[in-house]
Amino acid sequence: MKKLLVVLGVCFLLAAMPISLSVSTPTLKLGSRLNKLLDNEKSEIEEISLPAYDPPEWANGEFAGVWGLDIWGEWHFPAGWMFGYYKRTTSWGYFYAGFADFGVENATWFIQGYFLGPFMFGSLGENEYANDTLFVGIGRYNETDFHWRMMGEVGPTFFTEGEHTKY
C-alpha cells in the first residue's frame, strides 16, 4: 500500500509541475515584453514573404509566426519564420510546419507532431528524412494566437509564437 501511494504521489508531481508552469503569470509579463521587442523589429519582420502552398487535404487550419531561442524561460529576439498546417479536434490535434531563419526563402527545417491540451510532442529536424530529434513542448493557444515552448532531445529550448486560422 505504501508503494502504491508513493507511485501515485510521484505521478501527480510529474503531471502537476508542467501544468503549474503553463498557467503561471510570468508568461503574460514576458509576452508583453516580446510584443514590445517585436514592435521595434516590425520593419524587419514585415519584409518576410511566407511561401504560398496549397493546404493538405487533412488540414483544418493553418498557422504562421516566428521562432527563437528560449533561455531560462525568457523569450529573446525572434530568429526566423515558420508556417504550417494543423488538424485539430476538441481534445487533440496533429500539426506539420516548415521553418527557417529570417532572410531564407524556403523552409530548411521541419517540425511535426501532436498536441493534447497544453502539451505537445513530436519530431524536429533538418529535412523530412534524416537528422531529426524528438521534442516535447508546453504552451497555450486561443481562438487566434499561439505560444509554445519546446525542448528537444538534443539542442536548446525554443519558443514559437504567432497566429492561426481555422478553415
Protein backbone atom coordinates (compact mmCIF):
# COMPACT_ATOMS: atom_id res chain seq x y z
CA MET A 1 0.00 0.00 0.00
CA LYS A 2 2.87 2.35 0.82
CA LYS A 3 4.49 1.71 -2.55
CA LEU A 4 1.24 2.48 -4.33
CA LEU A 5 0.89 5.81 -2.51
CA VAL A 6 4.49 6.72 -3.36
CA VAL A 7 3.97 5.86 -7.03
CA LEU A 8 0.73 7.87 -7.16
CA GLY A 9 2.46 10.82 -5.46
CA VAL A 10 5.34 10.80 -7.94
CA CYS A 11 2.92 10.58 -10.88
CA PHE A 12 0.97 13.52 -9.50
CA LEU A 13 4.13 15.61 -9.15
CA LEU A 14 5.26 14.77 -12.68
CA ALA A 15 1.90 15.85 -14.06
CA ALA A 16 1.43 18.90 -11.80
CA MET A 17 4.82 20.54 -12.42
CA PRO A 18 4.37 21.26 -16.16
CA ILE A 19 0.74 22.23 -15.64
CA SER A 20 1.67 24.74 -12.95
CA LEU A 21 4.35 26.25 -15.19
CA SER A 22 1.91 26.66 -18.07
CA VAL A 23 -0.54 28.71 -16.02
CA SER A 24 1.98 30.96 -14.28
CA THR A 25 1.70 34.73 -14.65
CA PRO A 26 5.33 35.47 -15.64
CA THR A 27 4.43 34.19 -19.11
CA LEU A 28 1.99 37.07 -19.52
CA LYS A 29 4.62 39.62 -18.44
CA LEU A 30 7.18 38.13 -20.81
CA GLY A 31 4.62 38.17 -23.62
CA SER A 32 4.20 41.92 -23.27
CA ARG A 33 7.99 42.31 -23.36
CA LEU A 34 8.14 40.25 -26.56
CA ASN A 35 5.41 42.36 -28.14
CA LYS A 36 7.47 45.50 -27.42
CA LEU A 37 10.53 43.86 -28.97
CA LEU A 38 8.53 42.78 -32.00
CA ASP A 39 7.18 46.31 -32.47
CA ASN A 40 10.77 47.57 -32.59
CA GLU A 41 11.73 44.88 -35.10
CA LYS A 42 8.45 45.10 -37.07
CA SER A 43 10.00 46.58 -40.21
CA GLU A 44 12.38 43.62 -40.45
CA ILE A 45 9.61 41.08 -39.91
CA GLU A 46 7.18 42.69 -42.39
CA GLU A 47 9.68 42.10 -45.20
CA ILE A 48 9.23 38.35 -44.88
CA SER A 49 7.08 36.77 -47.54
CA LEU A 50 5.84 33.39 -46.44
CA PRO A 51 5.66 30.69 -49.11
CA ALA A 52 2.28 30.04 -50.74
CA TYR A 53 1.40 26.36 -50.53
CA ASP A 54 -1.84 24.54 -51.13
CA PRO A 55 -3.07 23.12 -47.83
CA PRO A 56 -3.03 19.34 -47.47
CA GLU A 57 -6.39 17.56 -47.51
CA TRP A 58 -6.12 16.53 -43.85
CA ALA A 59 -5.66 20.12 -42.57
CA ASN A 60 -8.48 22.11 -41.00
CA GLY A 61 -6.32 25.16 -40.23
CA GLU A 62 -3.01 26.90 -40.81
CA PHE A 63 -0.59 28.90 -38.68
CA ALA A 64 2.29 31.30 -39.19
CA GLY A 65 4.64 33.01 -36.81
CA VAL A 66 8.15 33.44 -35.54
CA TRP A 67 10.54 31.21 -33.60
CA GLY A 68 13.58 31.92 -31.46
CA LEU A 69 15.67 30.73 -28.54
CA ASP A 70 14.10 30.50 -25.10
CA ILE A 71 16.80 30.89 -22.45
CA TRP A 72 15.88 30.42 -18.78
CA GLY A 73 12.21 30.79 -19.61
CA GLU A 74 12.63 34.22 -21.20
CA TRP A 75 11.81 34.97 -24.82
CA HIS A 76 14.53 36.60 -26.85
CA PHE A 77 14.61 38.15 -30.30
CA PRO A 78 12.91 36.01 -32.94
CA ALA A 79 15.40 34.13 -35.12
CA GLY A 80 13.18 33.12 -38.02
CA TRP A 81 9.76 32.46 -39.52
CA MET A 82 7.53 29.40 -39.53
CA PHE A 83 4.47 28.30 -41.48
CA GLY A 84 2.38 25.15 -41.20
CA TYR A 85 -0.90 23.30 -41.05
CA TYR A 86 -2.84 21.55 -38.33
CA LYS A 87 -5.78 19.25 -37.86
CA ARG A 88 -7.47 19.80 -34.53
CA THR A 89 -10.44 18.30 -32.76
CA THR A 90 -11.68 19.32 -29.34
CA SER A 91 -9.26 17.10 -27.42
CA TRP A 92 -6.15 16.62 -29.57
CA GLY A 93 -4.51 17.63 -32.84
CA TYR A 94 -1.77 16.98 -35.39
CA PHE A 95 0.49 19.60 -36.98
CA TYR A 96 3.24 19.91 -39.57
CA ALA A 97 5.34 23.02 -40.23
CA GLY A 98 8.42 24.25 -42.01
CA PHE A 99 10.65 26.95 -40.61
CA ALA A 100 13.82 28.84 -41.45
CA ASP A 101 15.94 31.82 -40.45
CA PHE A 102 14.84 35.31 -41.43
CA GLY A 103 16.04 36.10 -44.92
CA VAL A 104 15.82 32.48 -46.11
CA GLU A 105 13.05 32.00 -48.67
CA ASN A 106 12.34 28.25 -48.34
CA ALA A 107 11.90 26.22 -45.18
CA THR A 108 15.11 24.47 -44.18
CA TRP A 109 13.81 22.60 -41.12
CA PHE A 110 10.55 20.91 -40.21
CA ILE A 111 8.57 20.15 -37.11
CA GLN A 112 5.68 17.73 -36.82
CA GLY A 113 3.79 16.08 -34.04
CA TYR A 114 0.71 16.00 -31.86
CA PHE A 115 -0.73 18.28 -29.23
CA LEU A 116 -3.06 17.41 -26.41
CA GLY A 117 -4.33 20.43 -24.50
CA PRO A 118 -1.28 22.44 -23.35
CA PHE A 119 1.19 19.62 -24.21
CA MET A 120 2.95 18.92 -27.49
CA PHE A 121 5.30 16.14 -28.65
CA GLY A 122 6.81 15.09 -31.96
CA SER A 123 9.95 15.34 -34.06
CA LEU A 124 12.05 18.25 -35.25
CA GLY A 125 14.74 18.09 -37.90
CA GLU A 126 16.69 19.41 -40.86
CA ASN A 127 14.68 17.60 -43.51
CA GLU A 128 11.92 15.02 -43.68
CA TYR A 129 14.21 12.01 -43.93
CA ALA A 130 17.23 12.43 -41.66
CA ASN A 131 18.79 14.35 -38.80
CA ASP A 132 15.73 14.66 -36.61
CA THR A 133 15.26 14.70 -32.85
CA LEU A 134 12.31 14.22 -30.54
CA PHE A 135 10.83 17.15 -28.63
CA VAL A 136 8.23 17.95 -26.01
CA GLY A 137 6.52 21.25 -25.51
CA ILE A 138 4.11 23.17 -23.40
CA GLY A 139 2.12 26.21 -24.34
CA ARG A 140 -1.19 27.84 -24.87
CA TYR A 141 -3.41 28.94 -27.67
CA ASN A 142 -6.72 30.72 -28.05
CA GLU A 143 -9.02 31.44 -31.00
CA THR A 144 -6.39 33.36 -32.97
CA ASP A 145 -2.93 33.21 -31.32
CA PHE A 146 -0.50 30.61 -30.02
CA HIS A 147 2.69 30.43 -27.97
CA TRP A 148 4.66 27.22 -27.41
CA ARG A 149 7.90 26.47 -25.63
CA MET A 150 9.69 23.38 -26.95
CA MET A 151 12.63 21.36 -25.71
CA GLY A 152 14.31 18.81 -27.95
CA GLU A 153 16.14 15.66 -27.01
CA VAL A 154 19.21 17.42 -28.38
CA GLY A 155 19.72 21.18 -28.62
CA PRO A 156 18.41 24.34 -26.98
CA THR A 157 14.91 25.28 -25.90
CA PHE A 158 12.86 27.21 -28.48
CA PHE A 159 9.74 29.30 -28.48
CA THR A 160 7.23 29.69 -31.29
CA GLU A 161 4.61 32.39 -31.39
CA GLY A 162 2.12 33.53 -33.99
CA GLU A 163 -1.41 33.38 -35.30
CA HIS A 164 -3.56 30.54 -36.57
CA THR A 165 -6.64 30.41 -38.74
CA LYS A 166 -9.21 27.63 -38.79
CA TYR A 167 -10.72 26.69 -42.18
